[in-house]
Amino acid sequence: MRHIEQTVQQSPELGPVITGGWAAADALARQRGADGFPQLPKQQRLEVLRQLESSLPGFLSSLIFPTYVGYYQHPQVYAALGLGSDPPHPH
């Protein structure tokens, strides 16, 4: 989540899309009886994301790339992939 926050700081135009999408996800989760989106069971989280994909078309597309970047830059993931501390390019 920290990487997403940094992305929004670096690209403020994404702020309303991402924060609005998360607020909508939490609202839909509360309608399903959860305290928020993360507390939903996996299947219900997927259903909420599918619903948001159609009702807020820019949300998921704005969230996916920075999520991948943050994931693959995380030190544990980097180590699990067997990558050294050097940048992967030009190797």
PDB file of N, CA and C in Angstrom:
ATOM      1  N   MET A   1       0.826  -1.190   0.000  1.00  0.00           N
ATOM      2  CA  MET A   1       0.000   0.000   0.000  1.00  0.00           C
ATOM      3  C   MET A   1       0.872   1.256   0.000  1.00  0.00           C
ATOM      4  N   ARG A   2       2.025   1.158   0.622  1.00  0.00           N
ATOM      5  CA  ARG A   2       2.916   2.316   0.669  1.00  0.00           C
ATOM      6  C   ARG A   2       3.324   2.742  -0.741  1.00  0.00           C
ATOM      7  N   HIS A   3       3.571   1.771  -1.604  1.00  0.00           N
ATOM      8  CA  HIS A   3       3.964   2.100  -2.977  1.00  0.00           C
ATOM      9  C   HIS A   3       2.830   2.817  -3.710  1.00  0.00           C
ATOM     10  N   ILE A   4       1.605   2.407  -3.484  1.00  0.00           N
ATOM     11  CA  ILE A   4       0.455   3.067  -4.117  1.00  0.00           C
ATOM     12  C   ILE A   4       0.373   4.512  -3.631  1.00  0.00           C
ATOM     13  N   GLU A   5       0.580   4.732  -2.339  1.00  0.00           N
ATOM     14  CA  GLU A   5       0.561   6.098  -1.791  1.00  0.00           C
ATOM     15  C   GLU A   5       1.654   6.948  -2.433  1.00  0.00           C
ATOM     16  N   GLN A   6       2.841   6.373  -2.618  1.00  0.00           N
ATOM     17  CA  GLN A   6       3.929   7.100  -3.262  1.00  0.00           C
ATOM     18  C   GLN A   6       3.586   7.406  -4.723  1.00  0.00           C
ATOM     19  N   THR A   7       2.943   6.470  -5.392  1.00  0.00           N
ATOM     20  CA  THR A   7       2.543   6.681  -6.781  1.00  0.00           C
ATOM     21  C   THR A   7       1.565   7.840  -6.878  1.00  0.00           C
ATOM     22  N   VAL A   8       0.624   7.904  -5.961  1.00  0.00           N
ATOM     23  CA  VAL A   8      -0.362   8.991  -5.961  1.00  0.00           C
ATOM     24  C   VAL A   8       0.326  10.328  -5.692  1.00  0.00           C
ATOM     25  N   GLN A   9       1.332  10.325  -4.808  1.00  0.00           N
ATOM     26  CA  GLN A   9       2.067  11.568  -4.549  1.00  0.00           C
ATOM     27  C   GLN A   9       2.834  12.022  -5.795  1.00  0.00           C
ATOM     28  N   GLN A  10       3.391  11.072  -6.534  1.00  0.00           N
ATOM     29  CA  GLN A  10       4.167  11.409  -7.727  1.00  0.00           C
ATOM     30  C   GLN A  10       3.265  11.721  -8.923  1.00  0.00           C
ATOM     31  N   SER A  11       2.070  11.172  -8.929  1.00  0.00           N
ATOM     32  CA  SER A  11       1.114  11.393 -10.025  1.00  0.00           C
ATOM     33  C   SER A  11      -0.230  11.790  -9.418  1.00  0.00           C
ATOM     34  N   PRO A  12      -0.360  13.040  -8.980  1.00  0.00           N
ATOM     35  CA  PRO A  12      -1.559  13.456  -8.253  1.00  0.00           C
ATOM     36  C   PRO A  12      -2.864  13.265  -9.022  1.00  0.00           C
ATOM     37  N   GLU A  13      -2.794  13.188 -10.347  1.00  0.00           N
ATOM     38  CA  GLU A  13      -4.024  12.978 -11.117  1.00  0.00           C
ATOM     39  C   GLU A  13      -4.638  11.608 -10.833  1.00  0.00           C
ATOM     40  N   LEU A  14      -3.836  10.677 -10.319  1.00  0.00           N
ATOM     41  CA  LEU A  14      -4.358   9.352  -9.971  1.00  0.00           C
ATOM     42  C   LEU A  14      -5.061   9.349  -8.609  1.00  0.00           C
ATOM     43  N   GLY A  15      -4.797  10.342  -7.800  1.00  0.00           N
ATOM     44  CA  GLY A  15      -5.350  10.394  -6.448  1.00  0.00           C
ATOM     45  C   GLY A  15      -6.853  10.219  -6.387  1.00  0.00           C
ATOM     46  N   PRO A  16      -7.621  11.050  -7.074  1.00  0.00           N
ATOM     47  CA  PRO A  16      -9.071  10.906  -6.999  1.00  0.00           C
ATOM     48  C   PRO A  16      -9.578   9.569  -7.520  1.00  0.00           C
ATOM     49  N   VAL A  17      -8.931   9.047  -8.549  1.00  0.00           N
ATOM     50  CA  VAL A  17      -9.364   7.765  -9.124  1.00  0.00           C
ATOM     51  C   VAL A  17      -9.120   6.637  -8.125  1.00  0.00           C
ATOM     52  N   ILE A  18      -7.920   6.599  -7.568  1.00  0.00           N
ATOM     53  CA  ILE A  18      -7.562   5.505  -6.662  1.00  0.00           C
ATOM     54  C   ILE A  18      -8.269   5.636  -5.314  1.00  0.00           C
ATOM     55  N   THR A  19      -8.246   6.829  -4.725  1.00  0.00           N
ATOM     56  CA  THR A  19      -8.912   6.968  -3.423  1.00  0.00           C
ATOM     57  C   THR A  19     -10.422   6.808  -3.553  1.00  0.00           C
ATOM     58  N   GLY A  20     -10.980   7.297  -4.647  1.00  0.00           N
ATOM     59  CA  GLY A  20     -12.410   7.112  -4.884  1.00  0.00           C
ATOM     60  C   GLY A  20     -12.767   5.651  -5.082  1.00  0.00           C
ATOM     61  N   GLY A  21     -11.911   4.931  -5.787  1.00  0.00           N
ATOM     62  CA  GLY A  21     -12.138   3.503  -5.999  1.00  0.00           C
ATOM     63  C   GLY A  21     -12.054   2.715  -4.710  1.00  0.00           C
ATOM     64  N   TRP A  22     -11.058   3.033  -3.869  1.00  0.00           N
ATOM     65  CA  TRP A  22     -10.950   2.330  -2.579  1.00  0.00           C
ATOM     66  C   TRP A  22     -12.142   2.643  -1.690  1.00  0.00           C
ATOM     67  N   ALA A  23     -12.586   3.890  -1.709  1.00  0.00           N
ATOM     68  CA  ALA A  23     -13.764   4.253  -0.910  1.00  0.00           C
ATOM     69  C   ALA A  23     -14.991   3.478  -1.393  1.00  0.00           C
ATOM     70  N   ALA A  24     -15.136   3.348  -2.702  1.00  0.00           N
ATOM     71  CA  ALA A  24     -16.254   2.585  -3.258  1.00  0.00           C
ATOM     72  C   ALA A  24     -16.140   1.114  -2.885  1.00  0.00           C
ATOM     73  N   ALA A  25     -14.922   0.563  -2.902  1.00  0.00           N
ATOM     74  CA  ALA A  25     -14.715  -0.839  -2.526  1.00  0.00           C
ATOM     75  C   ALA A  25     -15.094  -1.056  -1.063  1.00  0.00           C
ATOM     76  N   ASP A  26     -14.685  -0.131  -0.201  1.00  0.00           N
ATOM     77  CA  ASP A  26     -15.049  -0.243   1.220  1.00  0.00           C
ATOM     78  C   ASP A  26     -16.554  -0.128   1.424  1.00  0.00           C
ATOM     79  N   ALA A  27     -17.190   0.780   0.683  1.00  0.00           N
ATOM     80  CA  ALA A  27     -18.643   0.947   0.805  1.00  0.00           C
ATOM     81  C   ALA A  27     -19.370  -0.332   0.375  1.00  0.00           C
ATOM     82  N   LEU A  28     -18.930  -0.938  -0.712  1.00  0.00           N
ATOM     83  CA  LEU A  28     -19.545  -2.186  -1.164  1.00  0.00           C
ATOM     84  C   LEU A  28     -19.295  -3.307  -0.157  1.00  0.00           C
ATOM     85  N   ALA A  29     -18.132  -3.305   0.456  1.00  0.00           N
ATOM     86  CA  ALA A  29     -17.839  -4.315   1.482  1.00  0.00           C
ATOM     87  C   ALA A  29     -18.746  -4.137   2.693  1.00  0.00           C
ATOM     88  N   ARG A  30     -18.959  -2.900   3.102  1.00  0.00           N
ATOM     89  CA  ARG A  30     -19.849  -2.647   4.245  1.00  0.00           C
ATOM     90  C   ARG A  30     -21.280  -3.076   3.931  1.00  0.00           C
ATOM     91  N   GLN A  31     -21.690  -2.919   2.661  1.00  0.00           N
ATOM     92  CA  GLN A  31     -23.017  -3.391   2.264  1.00  0.00           C
ATOM     93  C   GLN A  31     -23.125  -4.906   2.405  1.00  0.00           C
ATOM     94  N   ARG A  32     -21.984  -5.584   2.342  1.00  0.00           N
ATOM     95  CA  ARG A  32     -21.952  -7.041   2.469  1.00  0.00           C
ATOM     96  C   ARG A  32     -21.693  -7.477   3.912  1.00  0.00           C
ATOM     97  N   GLY A  33     -21.641  -6.517   4.820  1.00  0.00           N
ATOM     98  CA  GLY A  33     -21.493  -6.843   6.241  1.00  0.00           C
ATOM     99  C   GLY A  33     -20.072  -6.856   6.766  1.00  0.00           C
ATOM    100  N   ALA A  34     -19.086  -6.471   5.952  1.00  0.00           N
ATOM    101  CA  ALA A  34     -17.688  -6.439   6.401  1.00  0.00           C
ATOM    102  C   ALA A  34     -17.331  -5.037   6.874  1.00  0.00           C
ATOM    103  N   ASP A  35     -16.255  -4.941   7.634  1.00  0.00           N
ATOM    104  CA  ASP A  35     -15.781  -3.632   8.101  1.00  0.00           C
ATOM    105  C   ASP A  35     -15.114  -2.836   6.991  1.00  0.00           C
ATOM    106  N   GLY A  36     -14.645  -3.513   5.966  1.00  0.00           N
ATOM    107  CA  GLY A  36     -13.984  -2.861   4.842  1.00  0.00           C
ATOM    108  C   GLY A  36     -13.595  -3.904   3.817  1.00  0.00           C
ATOM    109  N   PHE A  37     -13.077  -3.458   2.696  1.00  0.00           N
ATOM    110  CA  PHE A  37     -12.726  -4.352   1.593  1.00  0.00           C
ATOM    111  C   PHE A  37     -11.765  -5.459   2.014  1.00  0.00           C
ATOM    112  N   PRO A  38     -10.679  -5.148   2.752  1.00  0.00           N
ATOM    113  CA  PRO A  38      -9.727  -6.218   3.106  1.00  0.00           C
ATOM    114  C   PRO A  38     -10.339  -7.327   3.962  1.00  0.00           C
ATOM    115  N   GLN A  39     -11.413  -7.034   4.672  1.00  0.00           N
ATOM    116  CA  GLN A  39     -12.014  -8.029   5.553  1.00  0.00           C
ATOM    117  C   GLN A  39     -12.960  -8.990   4.820  1.00  0.00           C
ATOM    118  N   LEU A  40     -13.263  -8.714   3.573  1.00  0.00           N
ATOM    119  CA  LEU A  40     -14.129  -9.610   2.808  1.00  0.00           C
ATOM    120  C   LEU A  40     -13.401 -10.912   2.495  1.00  0.00           C
ATOM    121  N   PRO A  41     -14.129 -12.021   2.413  1.00  0.00           N
ATOM    122  CA  PRO A  41     -13.511 -13.258   1.911  1.00  0.00           C
ATOM    123  C   PRO A  41     -13.066 -13.054   0.465  1.00  0.00           C
ATOM    124  N   LYS A  42     -12.113 -13.852   0.039  1.00  0.00           N
ATOM    125  CA  LYS A  42     -11.510 -13.690  -1.295  1.00  0.00           C
ATOM    126  C   LYS A  42     -12.557 -13.629  -2.402  1.00  0.00           C
ATOM    127  N   GLN A  43     -13.507 -14.538  -2.401  1.00  0.00           N
ATOM    128  CA  GLN A  43     -14.499 -14.571  -3.476  1.00  0.00           C
ATOM    129  C   GLN A  43     -15.309 -13.279  -3.519  1.00  0.00           C
ATOM    130  N   GLN A  44     -15.661 -12.741  -2.369  1.00  0.00           N
ATOM    131  CA  GLN A  44     -16.422 -11.491  -2.336  1.00  0.00           C
ATOM    132  C   GLN A  44     -15.565 -10.311  -2.761  1.00  0.00           C
ATOM    133  N   ARG A  45     -14.273 -10.338  -2.435  1.00  0.00           N
ATOM    134  CA  ARG A  45     -13.378  -9.268  -2.914  1.00  0.00           C
ATOM    135  C   ARG A  45     -13.341  -9.270  -4.435  1.00  0.00           C
ATOM    136  N   LEU A  46     -13.250 -10.464  -5.027  1.00  0.00           N
ATOM    137  CA  LEU A  46     -13.252 -10.560  -6.492  1.00  0.00           C
ATOM    138  C   LEU A  46     -14.554 -10.026  -7.085  1.00  0.00           C
ATOM    139  N   GLU A  47     -15.670 -10.345  -6.445  1.00  0.00           N
ATOM    140  CA  GLU A  47     -16.962  -9.850  -6.921  1.00  0.00           C
ATOM    141  C   GLU A  47     -17.030  -8.329  -6.856  1.00  0.00           C
ATOM    142  N   VAL A  48     -16.530  -7.766  -5.770  1.00  0.00           N
ATOM    143  CA  VAL A  48     -16.523  -6.305  -5.621  1.00  0.00           C
ATOM    144  C   VAL A  48     -15.643  -5.683  -6.697  1.00  0.00           C
ATOM    145  N   LEU A  49     -14.477  -6.258  -6.950  1.00  0.00           N
ATOM    146  CA  LEU A  49     -13.590  -5.715  -7.982  1.00  0.00           C
ATOM    147  C   LEU A  49     -14.233  -5.794  -9.361  1.00  0.00           C
ATOM    148  N   ARG A  50     -14.944  -6.868  -9.631  1.00  0.00           N
ATOM    149  CA  ARG A  50     -15.647  -6.972 -10.921  1.00  0.00           C
ATOM    150  C   ARG A  50     -16.728  -5.900 -11.032  1.00  0.00           C
ATOM    151  N   GLN A  51     -17.422  -5.671  -9.929  1.00  0.00           N
ATOM    152  CA  GLN A  51     -18.460  -4.636  -9.928  1.00  0.00           C
ATOM    153  C   GLN A  51     -17.835  -3.264 -10.155  1.00  0.00           C
ATOM    154  N   LEU A  52     -16.704  -3.004  -9.514  1.00  0.00           N
ATOM    155  CA  LEU A  52     -16.032  -1.711  -9.674  1.00  0.00           C
ATOM    156  C   LEU A  52     -15.451  -1.546 -11.076  1.00  0.00           C
ATOM    157  N   GLU A  53     -15.035  -2.655 -11.671  1.00  0.00           N
ATOM    158  CA  GLU A  53     -14.492  -2.588 -13.021  1.00  0.00           C
ATOM    159  C   GLU A  53     -15.517  -2.027 -14.002  1.00  0.00           C
ATOM    160  N   SER A  54     -16.786  -2.361 -13.776  1.00  0.00           N
ATOM    161  CA  SER A  54     -17.814  -1.847 -14.684  1.00  0.00           C
ATOM    162  C   SER A  54     -18.335  -0.480 -14.253  1.00  0.00           C
ATOM    163  N   SER A  55     -18.386  -0.221 -12.946  1.00  0.00           N
ATOM    164  CA  SER A  55     -18.944   1.059 -12.498  1.00  0.00           C
ATOM    165  C   SER A  55     -17.903   2.178 -12.425  1.00  0.00           C
ATOM    166  N   LEU A  56     -16.642   1.837 -12.204  1.00  0.00           N
ATOM    167  CA  LEU A  56     -15.544   2.815 -12.159  1.00  0.00           C
ATOM    168  C   LEU A  56     -14.426   2.335 -13.080  1.00  0.00           C
ATOM    169  N   PRO A  57     -14.601   2.459 -14.390  1.00  0.00           N
ATOM    170  CA  PRO A  57     -13.658   1.844 -15.325  1.00  0.00           C
ATOM    171  C   PRO A  57     -12.202   2.278 -15.178  1.00  0.00           C
ATOM    172  N   GLY A  58     -11.914   3.448 -14.694  1.00  0.00           N
ATOM    173  CA  GLY A  58     -10.525   3.881 -14.565  1.00  0.00           C
ATOM    174  C   GLY A  58      -9.825   3.389 -13.323  1.00  0.00           C
ATOM    175  N   PHE A  59     -10.575   2.895 -12.353  1.00  0.00           N
ATOM    176  CA  PHE A  59      -9.985   2.519 -11.068  1.00  0.00           C
ATOM    177  C   PHE A  59      -8.980   1.376 -11.202  1.00  0.00           C
ATOM    178  N   LEU A  60      -9.399   0.226 -11.681  1.00  0.00           N
ATOM    179  CA  LEU A  60      -8.497  -0.926 -11.735  1.00  0.00           C
ATOM    180  C   LEU A  60      -7.325  -0.705 -12.681  1.00  0.00           C
ATOM    181  N   SER A  61      -7.581  -0.098 -13.802  1.00  0.00           N
ATOM    182  CA  SER A  61      -6.477   0.135 -14.741  1.00  0.00           C
ATOM    183  C   SER A  61      -5.442   1.101 -14.153  1.00  0.00           C
ATOM    184  N   SER A  62      -5.876   2.022 -13.304  1.00  0.00           N
ATOM    185  CA  SER A  62      -4.945   2.956 -12.659  1.00  0.00           C
ATOM    186  C   SER A  62      -4.203   2.304 -11.500  1.00  0.00           C
ATOM    187  N   LEU A  63      -4.767   1.246 -10.968  1.00  0.00           N
ATOM    188  CA  LEU A  63      -4.206   0.588  -9.788  1.00  0.00           C
ATOM    189  C   LEU A  63      -3.286  -0.573 -10.142  1.00  0.00           C
ATOM    190  N   ILE A  64      -3.538  -1.256 -11.227  1.00  0.00           N
ATOM    191  CA  ILE A  64      -2.824  -2.503 -11.527  1.00  0.00           C
ATOM    192  C   ILE A  64      -1.325  -2.298 -11.742  1.00  0.00           C
ATOM    193  N   PHE A  65      -0.934  -1.377 -12.606  1.00  0.00           N
ATOM    194  CA  PHE A  65       0.493  -1.221 -12.900  1.00  0.00           C
ATOM    195  C   PHE A  65       1.296  -0.825 -11.664  1.00  0.00           C
ATOM    196  N   PRO A  66       0.882   0.205 -10.898  1.00  0.00           N
ATOM    197  CA  PRO A  66       1.678   0.528  -9.712  1.00  0.00           C
ATOM    198  C   PRO A  66       1.702  -0.606  -8.684  1.00  0.00           C
ATOM    199  N   THR A  67       0.657  -1.423  -8.661  1.00  0.00           N
ATOM    200  CA  THR A  67       0.651  -2.569  -7.746  1.00  0.00           C
ATOM    201  C   THR A  67       1.719  -3.575  -8.166  1.00  0.00           C
ATOM    202  N   TYR A  68       1.797  -3.879  -9.461  1.00  0.00           N
ATOM    203  CA  TYR A  68       2.832  -4.786  -9.949  1.00  0.00           C
ATOM    204  C   TYR A  68       4.228  -4.234  -9.663  1.00  0.00           C
ATOM    205  N   VAL A  69       4.418  -2.975  -9.931  1.00  0.00           N
ATOM    206  CA  VAL A  69       5.733  -2.366  -9.710  1.00  0.00           C
ATOM    207  C   VAL A  69       6.113  -2.472  -8.237  1.00  0.00           C
ATOM    208  N   GLY A  70       5.203  -2.125  -7.350  1.00  0.00           N
ATOM    209  CA  GLY A  70       5.485  -2.210  -5.918  1.00  0.00           C
ATOM    210  C   GLY A  70       5.777  -3.627  -5.475  1.00  0.00           C
ATOM    211  N   TYR A  71       5.025  -4.579  -6.003  1.00  0.00           N
ATOM    212  CA  TYR A  71       5.225  -5.985  -5.647  1.00  0.00           C
ATOM    213  C   TYR A  71       6.616  -6.457  -6.062  1.00  0.00           C
ATOM    214  N   TYR A  72       6.972  -6.217  -7.304  1.00  0.00           N
ATOM    215  CA  TYR A  72       8.244  -6.726  -7.800  1.00  0.00           C
ATOM    216  C   TYR A  72       9.450  -5.939  -7.298  1.00  0.00           C
ATOM    217  N   GLN A  73       9.229  -4.794  -6.669  1.00  0.00           N
ATOM    218  CA  GLN A  73      10.328  -4.059  -6.062  1.00  0.00           C
ATOM    219  C   GLN A  73      10.498  -4.389  -4.586  1.00  0.00           C
ATOM    220  N   HIS A  74       9.559  -5.117  -4.017  1.00  0.00           N
ATOM    221  CA  HIS A  74       9.639  -5.459  -2.595  1.00  0.00           C
ATOM    222  C   HIS A  74      10.843  -6.379  -2.370  1.00  0.00           C
ATOM    223  N   PRO A  75      11.645  -6.094  -1.344  1.00  0.00           N
ATOM    224  CA  PRO A  75      12.868  -6.882  -1.117  1.00  0.00           C
ATOM    225  C   PRO A  75      12.617  -8.389  -0.970  1.00  0.00           C
ATOM    226  N   GLN A  76      11.536  -8.792  -0.325  1.00  0.00           N
ATOM    227  CA  GLN A  76      11.271 -10.227  -0.157  1.00  0.00           C
ATOM    228  C   GLN A  76      10.963 -10.895  -1.498  1.00  0.00           C
ATOM    229  N   VAL A  77      10.221 -10.220  -2.335  1.00  0.00           N
ATOM    230  CA  VAL A  77       9.895 -10.773  -3.656  1.00  0.00           C
ATOM    231  C   VAL A  77      11.156 -10.816  -4.506  1.00  0.00           C
ATOM    232  N   TYR A  78      11.911  -9.742  -4.457  1.00  0.00           N
ATOM    233  CA  TYR A  78      13.152  -9.666  -5.226  1.00  0.00           C
ATOM    234  C   TYR A  78      14.073 -10.824  -4.845  1.00  0.00           C
ATOM    235  N   ALA A  79      14.214 -11.073  -3.548  1.00  0.00           N
ATOM    236  CA  ALA A  79      15.070 -12.167  -3.075  1.00  0.00           C
ATOM    237  C   ALA A  79      14.486 -13.524  -3.461  1.00  0.00           C
ATOM    238  N   ALA A  80      13.174 -13.680  -3.339  1.00  0.00           N
ATOM    239  CA  ALA A  80      12.535 -14.955  -3.676  1.00  0.00           C
ATOM    240  C   ALA A  80      12.722 -15.299  -5.159  1.00  0.00           C
ATOM    241  N   LEU A  81      12.846 -14.285  -5.992  1.00  0.00           N
ATOM    242  CA  LEU A  81      13.058 -14.508  -7.420  1.00  0.00           C
ATOM    243  C   LEU A  81      14.529 -14.801  -7.739  1.00  0.00           C
ATOM    244  N   GLY A  82      15.375 -14.739  -6.703  1.00  0.00           N
ATOM    245  CA  GLY A  82      16.787 -15.031  -6.897  1.00  0.00           C
ATOM    246  C   GLY A  82      17.555 -13.918  -7.573  1.00  0.00           C
ATOM    247  N   LEU A  83      17.047 -12.704  -7.492  1.00  0.00           N
ATOM    248  CA  LEU A  83      17.717 -11.572  -8.110  1.00  0.00           C
ATOM    249  C   LEU A  83      18.685 -10.945  -7.120  1.00  0.00           C
ATOM    250  N   GLY A  84      19.814 -10.518  -7.614  1.00  0.00           N
ATOM    251  CA  GLY A  84      20.795  -9.851  -6.763  1.00  0.00           C
ATOM    252  C   GLY A  84      20.374  -8.421  -6.483  1.00  0.00           C
ATOM    253  N   SER A  85      21.258  -7.699  -5.853  1.00  0.00           N
ATOM    254  CA  SER A  85      20.934  -6.307  -5.525  1.00  0.00           C
ATOM    255  C   SER A  85      21.202  -5.355  -6.692  1.00  0.00           C
ATOM    256  N   ASP A  86      21.844  -5.849  -7.744  1.00  0.00           N
ATOM    257  CA  ASP A  86      22.100  -5.021  -8.924  1.00  0.00           C
ATOM    258  C   ASP A  86      20.826  -4.888  -9.742  1.00  0.00           C
ATOM    259  N   PRO A  87      20.681  -3.777 -10.464  1.00  0.00           N
ATOM    260  CA  PRO A  87      19.522  -3.641 -11.356  1.00  0.00           C
ATOM    261  C   PRO A  87      19.524  -4.752 -12.400  1.00  0.00           C
ATOM    262  N   PRO A  88      18.360  -5.257 -12.783  1.00  0.00           N
ATOM    263  CA  PRO A  88      18.308  -6.360 -13.748  1.00  0.00           C
ATOM    264  C   PRO A  88      18.759  -5.969 -15.155  1.00  0.00           C
ATOM    265  N   HIS A  89      18.748  -4.690 -15.466  1.00  0.00           N
ATOM    266  CA  HIS A  89      19.177  -4.245 -16.791  1.00  0.00           C
ATOM    267  C   HIS A  89      20.623  -3.806 -16.694  1.00  0.00           C
ATOM    268  N   PRO A  90      21.511  -4.153 -17.485  1.00  0.00           N
ATOM    269  CA  PRO A  90      21.409  -4.742 -18.823  1.00  0.00           C
ATOM    270  C   PRO A  90      21.629  -6.247 -18.838  1.00  0.00           C
ATOM    271  N   HIS A  91      21.593  -6.908 -17.693  1.00  0.00           N
ATOM    272  CA  HIS A  91      21.851  -8.361 -17.645  1.00  0.00           C
ATOM    273  C   HIS A  91      20.734  -9.053 -18.337  1.00  0.00           C
TER     274      HIS A  91
END
